[in-house]
Amino acid sequence: MLDDMTALNRTTSALTLIGSLMTANFALSGASEPGLFSGQTDVGAVRKPGTVEYNSAQGSYLIAGGGENMWFTNDAFHFVWKRMSGDLTLAANIRWIGTNGNAHRKACLIIRQTLDTDSAYADVAQHGDGLTSLQYREAQGGPTREIQSSVSGPGRVRLEKRGDYVSMSFATAGEALRSAGGSFRIQFKEPFYVGLGVCAHDNNAIERAEFSRVEIASLPPPAGPPTNVSSTIEFISIASKDRRVVYHTSDHIEAPNWSHDGQSLLFNSKGRIWRMPVTGGTPEAVDTGFATRCNNDHGISPDGTQLVISDQSQGDRRSRIYILPIGGGAPKRITEAGPSY
């Protein structure tokens, strides 16, 4: 009997020690319900398991993630999540810990249909080199697409789901959040997963990113069709269908044309013709003289020296065609009858 009691005590002590070790390990890897979220998991084939440390005093999340990539038809990363339904926004400040990791490592705000490696998803991904983009896989097992933002390494980002459309906003230091331009249509079945993720872009490594001022907000159903105007100029790769935002504005813009040297774009807005470098920046109005009611019917001559416009600022206010030097100048009327385009 004594031997049995001794064995039982030893077993109990061993179980207590194992339980203490498990508790200590669990504390290091983060709480089971860290802050705003319900759980955490490694998605896909991750060689080094990820962790999360939640700082309740600061409301911040330090997430360590491994994994080879979040791209093509499958993903591998560490995901901190909760299940949600309806329209919502997820926002955070993102800061990488350390500067020596892979330039393509990703810290993400994510909406994901399932925890499967090839799930449909949408995210805002801030890369190690500052590239910030909307990434998405429209259907399970499908290819990943992206819309690259025109701003590198913004201080704060927000992922927005409104109906079947997903978009991104960002803010640099001291600024309010503003639309990054570009959106896409994707249907999520409710409920879906919403959260934060980190991918090392190297299956032999662990990378860490801090997410602070994390906010999740449910949005009410829209009261009606949108009343504001938003326009974005994007470049789209014919081969990959990936998109890159060059310019975004709350003004109505139309008909961007390439210059013949490929260095600038011409488009119309508010009755004027505007020129902007293909790398982005602030558009400058082209001098079109009296022609201040130009519409979207304009173009560039085959030799690249002249601009042709349609303007309705004169006389009977019917549109007529004019030409002027590509750099700006006095318009010369080409058509007598109006309207002509």
Protein backbone atom coordinates (compact mmCIF):
# COMPACT_ATOMS: atom_id res chain seq x y z
CA MET A 1 0.00 0.00 0.00
CA LEU A 2 2.83 2.37 0.89
CA ASP A 3 4.53 1.65 -2.41
CA ASP A 4 1.27 2.39 -4.21
CA MET A 5 0.90 5.75 -2.42
CA THR A 6 4.51 6.65 -3.18
CA ALA A 7 4.00 5.84 -6.86
CA LEU A 8 0.78 7.89 -6.90
CA ASN A 9 2.50 10.89 -5.29
CA ARG A 10 5.35 10.68 -7.79
CA THR A 11 2.87 10.50 -10.67
CA THR A 12 0.93 13.48 -9.29
CA SER A 13 4.12 15.51 -8.89
CA ALA A 14 5.18 14.66 -12.43
CA LEU A 15 1.78 15.68 -13.83
CA THR A 16 1.93 18.94 -11.84
CA LEU A 17 5.40 19.67 -13.22
CA ILE A 18 4.25 18.93 -16.78
CA GLY A 19 1.21 21.14 -16.26
CA SER A 20 3.41 23.97 -14.97
CA LEU A 21 5.70 23.68 -17.97
CA MET A 22 2.73 23.69 -20.34
CA THR A 23 1.31 26.78 -18.60
CA ALA A 24 4.65 28.58 -18.81
CA ASN A 25 4.99 27.72 -22.48
CA PHE A 26 1.45 28.87 -23.14
CA ALA A 27 2.11 32.22 -21.48
CA LEU A 28 5.10 32.74 -23.73
CA SER A 29 3.08 32.01 -26.84
CA GLY A 30 0.20 34.25 -25.81
CA ALA A 31 -3.23 33.94 -24.26
CA SER A 32 -5.86 31.66 -25.80
CA GLU A 33 -8.04 34.71 -26.41
CA PRO A 34 -5.56 37.55 -26.98
CA GLY A 35 -7.33 40.89 -26.72
CA LEU A 36 -9.85 41.40 -29.49
CA PHE A 37 -9.29 37.94 -30.96
CA SER A 38 -10.48 34.40 -30.18
CA GLY A 39 -7.61 32.18 -31.26
CA GLN A 40 -4.36 31.71 -33.11
CA THR A 41 -2.95 29.11 -35.46
CA ASP A 42 -0.30 28.40 -38.04
CA VAL A 43 -1.89 28.22 -41.48
CA GLY A 44 -0.25 25.94 -44.03
CA ALA A 45 3.08 24.13 -43.92
CA VAL A 46 5.05 26.19 -41.37
CA ARG A 47 8.37 24.71 -40.24
CA LYS A 48 8.78 27.03 -37.24
CA PRO A 49 5.59 27.63 -35.22
CA GLY A 50 4.42 31.18 -34.64
CA THR A 51 3.38 32.93 -31.43
CA VAL A 52 1.56 36.02 -30.25
CA GLU A 53 2.24 38.19 -27.21
CA TYR A 54 -0.63 40.49 -26.25
CA ASN A 55 0.13 43.61 -24.22
CA SER A 56 -3.18 44.51 -22.60
CA ALA A 57 -1.82 47.77 -21.17
CA GLN A 58 -0.85 49.05 -24.62
CA GLY A 59 -3.39 47.09 -26.65
CA SER A 60 -0.63 45.81 -28.93
CA TYR A 61 0.15 42.43 -30.46
CA LEU A 62 3.66 41.14 -31.09
CA ILE A 63 3.25 38.35 -33.63
CA ALA A 64 6.03 36.00 -34.69
CA GLY A 65 5.45 34.07 -37.88
CA GLY A 66 7.30 31.69 -40.16
CA GLY A 67 6.19 30.22 -43.47
CA GLU A 68 7.42 30.31 -47.04
CA ASN A 69 4.93 32.77 -48.56
CA MET A 70 1.36 34.04 -48.89
CA TRP A 71 0.97 33.92 -52.66
CA PHE A 72 0.06 31.80 -55.68
CA THR A 73 -2.47 29.13 -54.63
CA ASN A 74 -1.52 28.53 -50.97
CA ASP A 75 -0.28 30.32 -47.88
CA ALA A 76 1.93 29.63 -44.85
CA PHE A 77 1.90 32.09 -41.93
CA HIS A 78 0.84 32.65 -38.30
CA PHE A 79 -2.72 33.95 -37.87
CA VAL A 80 -4.42 35.55 -34.86
CA TRP A 81 -8.16 35.62 -35.53
CA LYS A 82 -11.81 35.87 -34.58
CA ARG A 83 -14.94 34.90 -36.53
CA MET A 84 -17.21 37.69 -37.75
CA SER A 85 -20.05 38.46 -40.14
CA GLY A 86 -21.25 41.53 -42.00
CA ASP A 87 -19.41 44.64 -43.10
CA LEU A 88 -16.42 45.78 -41.08
CA THR A 89 -13.10 47.59 -40.88
CA LEU A 90 -9.85 46.36 -39.33
CA ALA A 91 -7.11 48.93 -38.69
CA ALA A 92 -3.65 48.91 -37.08
CA ASN A 93 -0.26 50.53 -36.96
CA ILE A 94 2.37 48.04 -38.16
CA ARG A 95 6.04 48.02 -37.18
CA TRP A 96 8.61 45.39 -38.09
CA ILE A 97 10.94 44.21 -35.33
CA GLY A 98 14.41 44.07 -36.87
CA THR A 99 15.60 45.03 -40.34
CA ASN A 100 17.49 41.97 -41.55
CA GLY A 101 14.61 39.77 -42.67
CA ASN A 102 13.48 38.95 -46.17
CA ALA A 103 12.34 42.06 -48.04
CA HIS A 104 9.13 40.23 -49.02
CA ARG A 105 8.08 39.23 -45.49
CA LYS A 106 4.50 40.28 -44.80
CA ALA A 107 2.58 41.68 -41.85
CA CYS A 108 -1.11 41.59 -42.71
CA LEU A 109 -4.64 42.60 -41.80
CA ILE A 110 -6.72 39.67 -43.05
CA ILE A 111 -10.24 38.52 -43.92
CA ARG A 112 -10.17 34.79 -44.66
CA GLN A 113 -12.94 32.33 -45.52
CA THR A 114 -11.31 29.33 -43.78
CA LEU A 115 -8.07 28.29 -42.11
CA ASP A 116 -7.16 26.09 -45.08
CA THR A 117 -3.87 26.87 -46.80
CA ASP A 118 -5.62 27.62 -50.13
CA SER A 119 -8.60 29.56 -48.73
CA ALA A 120 -10.16 32.56 -50.41
CA TYR A 121 -8.95 35.71 -48.64
CA ALA A 122 -8.31 39.43 -48.78
CA ASP A 123 -5.62 41.30 -46.89
CA VAL A 124 -3.61 44.46 -46.52
CA ALA A 125 0.01 43.31 -46.61
CA GLN A 126 2.87 45.53 -45.49
CA HIS A 127 6.12 44.03 -46.76
CA GLY A 128 9.54 44.23 -45.20
CA ASP A 129 10.71 46.68 -47.86
CA GLY A 130 7.70 48.97 -47.32
CA LEU A 131 5.56 47.83 -50.25
CA THR A 132 1.94 47.96 -49.11
CA SER A 133 -0.72 46.24 -51.17
CA LEU A 134 -4.17 44.71 -51.24
CA GLN A 135 -3.82 40.99 -51.90
CA TYR A 136 -6.67 38.58 -52.61
CA ARG A 137 -7.60 35.09 -53.73
CA GLU A 138 -11.11 35.17 -55.12
CA ALA A 139 -11.83 31.44 -54.78
CA GLN A 140 -10.34 28.50 -52.90
CA GLY A 141 -7.31 27.18 -54.74
CA GLY A 142 -7.23 30.13 -57.13
CA PRO A 143 -4.29 32.45 -57.87
CA THR A 144 -3.36 35.40 -55.70
CA ARG A 145 -3.72 38.91 -57.15
CA GLU A 146 -2.67 42.27 -55.76
CA ILE A 147 -3.21 46.01 -56.01
CA GLN A 148 -0.04 47.86 -55.03
CA SER A 149 -0.42 51.12 -53.15
CA SER A 150 1.34 54.29 -54.27
CA VAL A 151 2.69 54.85 -50.71
CA SER A 152 5.53 52.87 -49.17
CA GLY A 153 5.45 51.90 -45.49
CA PRO A 154 2.49 53.98 -44.23
CA GLY A 155 2.25 54.34 -40.48
CA ARG A 156 -1.33 53.05 -40.29
CA VAL A 157 -3.45 50.86 -42.57
CA ARG A 158 -7.08 49.78 -42.64
CA LEU A 159 -8.82 46.89 -44.41
CA GLU A 160 -12.44 47.60 -45.32
CA LYS A 161 -15.22 45.20 -46.32
CA ARG A 162 -18.44 46.76 -47.60
CA GLY A 163 -20.86 44.32 -49.17
CA ASP A 164 -18.93 42.26 -51.71
CA TYR A 165 -16.17 44.86 -52.11
CA VAL A 166 -12.87 45.14 -50.24
CA SER A 167 -10.61 48.19 -50.19
CA MET A 168 -7.74 49.74 -48.25
CA SER A 169 -7.00 53.04 -46.53
CA PHE A 170 -3.70 54.28 -45.16
CA ALA A 171 -2.19 57.18 -43.24
CA THR A 172 1.34 58.50 -43.02
CA ALA A 173 2.61 60.12 -39.81
CA GLY A 174 0.31 62.87 -38.59
CA GLU A 175 -2.34 62.27 -41.26
CA ALA A 176 -5.89 60.96 -41.11
CA LEU A 177 -6.72 57.72 -42.91
CA ARG A 178 -7.52 58.15 -46.60
CA SER A 179 -8.44 55.78 -49.39
CA ALA A 180 -5.52 54.12 -51.15
CA GLY A 181 -7.58 53.70 -54.32
CA GLY A 182 -8.35 50.41 -55.98
CA SER A 183 -10.85 47.81 -54.80
CA PHE A 184 -12.06 44.39 -55.83
CA ARG A 185 -15.14 42.21 -55.59
CA ILE A 186 -15.01 39.06 -53.46
CA GLN A 187 -17.82 37.15 -51.78
CA PHE A 188 -17.31 35.76 -48.28
CA LYS A 189 -19.77 33.31 -46.74
CA GLU A 190 -20.64 34.21 -43.17
CA PRO A 191 -19.07 33.76 -40.73
CA PHE A 192 -15.48 34.29 -41.85
CA TYR A 193 -12.15 34.83 -40.11
CA VAL A 194 -10.77 38.32 -39.38
CA GLY A 195 -7.38 39.02 -37.86
CA LEU A 196 -3.65 39.67 -38.01
CA GLY A 197 -0.96 37.60 -39.67
CA VAL A 198 2.80 37.44 -40.17
CA CYS A 199 4.70 35.49 -42.85
CA ALA A 200 8.51 35.29 -42.79
CA HIS A 201 8.79 34.54 -46.53
CA ASP A 202 11.44 32.05 -45.41
CA ASN A 203 10.40 28.70 -43.98
CA ASN A 204 13.63 28.48 -41.99
CA ALA A 205 13.10 31.83 -40.25
CA ILE A 206 10.81 33.58 -37.79
CA GLU A 207 9.92 37.25 -38.31
CA ARG A 208 8.21 39.56 -35.81
CA ALA A 209 5.91 42.50 -36.31
CA GLU A 210 4.09 44.68 -33.80
CA PHE A 211 0.46 45.63 -34.43
CA SER A 212 -0.65 48.55 -32.26
CA ARG A 213 -3.82 50.63 -31.94
CA VAL A 214 -5.71 47.67 -33.37
CA GLU A 215 -9.36 48.49 -34.04
CA ILE A 216 -12.19 46.31 -35.37
CA ALA A 217 -15.47 48.03 -36.19
CA SER A 218 -18.69 46.55 -37.55
CA LEU A 219 -20.37 48.76 -40.15
CA PRO A 220 -24.13 49.32 -40.48
CA PRO A 221 -25.81 48.31 -43.74
CA PRO A 222 -25.61 51.07 -46.39
CA ALA A 223 -28.57 53.45 -46.42
CA GLY A 224 -28.48 53.72 -50.21
CA PRO A 225 -26.13 53.99 -53.16
CA PRO A 226 -22.87 55.89 -52.51
CA THR A 227 -23.03 59.63 -53.19
CA ASN A 228 -19.33 60.49 -53.22
CA VAL A 229 -17.05 60.28 -56.26
CA SER A 230 -13.70 58.52 -56.14
CA SER A 231 -11.35 58.00 -59.10
CA THR A 232 -8.18 55.93 -59.36
CA ILE A 233 -5.62 55.57 -62.15
CA GLU A 234 -4.05 52.10 -62.11
CA PHE A 235 -1.52 50.21 -64.20
CA ILE A 236 -2.52 46.60 -64.88
CA SER A 237 -0.02 43.96 -65.93
CA ILE A 238 -1.48 42.08 -68.90
CA ALA A 239 0.41 38.89 -67.95
CA SER A 240 -0.43 38.66 -64.24
CA LYS A 241 -3.48 40.96 -63.98
CA ASP A 242 -1.81 42.54 -60.92
CA ARG A 243 -2.60 46.22 -60.45
CA ARG A 244 -0.63 49.24 -59.20
CA VAL A 245 -2.26 52.48 -58.07
CA VAL A 246 -0.64 55.56 -59.58
CA TYR A 247 -3.08 58.26 -58.56
CA HIS A 248 -6.24 58.49 -56.45
CA THR A 249 -8.53 61.48 -55.99
CA SER A 250 -12.03 62.40 -54.86
CA ASP A 251 -12.43 64.34 -58.14
CA HIS A 252 -14.03 62.82 -61.22
CA ILE A 253 -11.35 62.01 -63.81
CA GLU A 254 -11.56 60.35 -67.24
CA ALA A 255 -9.62 58.96 -70.20
CA PRO A 256 -5.95 58.67 -69.22
CA ASN A 257 -3.66 58.53 -72.29
CA TRP A 258 0.01 57.51 -72.44
CA SER A 259 2.49 60.03 -73.78
CA HIS A 260 4.51 58.69 -76.72
CA ASP A 261 7.71 58.59 -74.68
CA GLY A 262 5.93 56.60 -71.93
CA GLN A 263 6.92 59.11 -69.26
CA SER A 264 3.60 60.80 -68.50
CA LEU A 265 -0.18 60.46 -68.59
CA LEU A 266 -2.77 62.93 -69.87
CA PHE A 267 -6.34 62.88 -68.54
CA ASN A 268 -9.28 65.24 -68.16
CA SER A 269 -10.92 66.51 -64.98
CA LYS A 270 -13.05 69.56 -64.11
CA GLY A 271 -12.95 70.79 -67.72
CA ARG A 272 -9.16 70.79 -67.98
CA ILE A 273 -6.50 68.46 -69.39
CA TRP A 274 -3.92 67.36 -66.82
CA ARG A 275 -0.43 65.88 -67.14
CA MET A 276 1.13 63.60 -64.54
CA PRO A 277 4.34 61.50 -64.44
CA VAL A 278 3.74 57.75 -64.76
CA THR A 279 5.49 57.38 -61.40
CA GLY A 280 2.71 59.39 -59.74
CA GLY A 281 2.78 62.78 -58.08
CA THR A 282 0.76 65.98 -58.41
CA PRO A 283 -0.97 66.51 -61.78
CA GLU A 284 -0.36 69.84 -63.59
CA ALA A 285 -2.92 71.51 -65.83
CA VAL A 286 -1.98 71.74 -69.52
CA ASP A 287 -2.32 75.26 -70.94
CA THR A 288 -5.33 74.93 -73.26
CA GLY A 289 -6.05 78.67 -73.51
CA PHE A 290 -9.76 79.44 -73.71
CA ALA A 291 -10.67 75.73 -73.76
CA THR A 292 -11.75 75.19 -70.17
CA ARG A 293 -14.68 72.81 -70.73
CA CYS A 294 -12.81 69.86 -72.19
CA ASN A 295 -14.48 66.46 -72.11
CA ASN A 296 -13.10 62.93 -72.19
CA ASP A 297 -12.61 62.83 -75.99
CA HIS A 298 -8.96 63.77 -76.45
CA GLY A 299 -5.82 62.18 -77.83
CA ILE A 300 -2.25 62.59 -79.02
CA SER A 301 -1.16 62.88 -82.65
CA PRO A 302 0.79 59.95 -84.18
CA ASP A 303 4.05 61.91 -84.12
CA GLY A 304 3.50 62.89 -80.45
CA THR A 305 3.74 66.64 -81.10
CA GLN A 306 0.09 67.70 -80.86
CA LEU A 307 -2.81 67.29 -78.47
CA VAL A 308 -6.33 67.00 -79.83
CA ILE A 309 -9.21 67.98 -77.54
CA SER A 310 -12.99 68.31 -77.58
CA ASP A 311 -14.15 71.49 -75.85
CA GLN A 312 -17.52 73.15 -75.35
CA SER A 313 -16.56 76.47 -73.79
CA GLN A 314 -17.29 78.69 -76.83
CA GLY A 315 -20.40 80.19 -78.47
CA ASP A 316 -23.33 77.78 -78.43
CA ARG A 317 -21.51 75.53 -75.94
CA ARG A 318 -21.55 72.61 -78.36
CA SER A 319 -18.44 70.47 -78.35
CA ARG A 320 -15.92 71.03 -81.16
CA ILE A 321 -12.52 69.58 -81.92
CA TYR A 322 -9.30 71.61 -81.48
CA ILE A 323 -5.57 70.90 -81.75
CA LEU A 324 -2.71 72.53 -79.86
CA PRO A 325 0.97 71.79 -79.16
CA ILE A 326 1.52 68.81 -76.86
CA GLY A 327 3.14 71.09 -74.30
CA GLY A 328 0.20 73.50 -74.32
CA GLY A 329 -0.73 76.63 -76.23
CA ALA A 330 -3.52 78.31 -78.21
CA PRO A 331 -6.13 75.81 -79.52
CA LYS A 332 -6.89 75.75 -83.26
CA ARG A 333 -10.42 74.71 -84.21
CA ILE A 334 -10.71 71.76 -86.64
CA THR A 335 -14.49 71.17 -86.89
CA GLU A 336 -17.17 73.76 -87.72
CA ALA A 337 -20.26 71.74 -86.83
CA GLY A 338 -21.16 70.93 -83.26
CA PRO A 339 -21.38 68.79 -81.35
CA SER A 340 -18.26 67.00 -82.62
CA TYR A 341 -15.90 64.81 -80.71
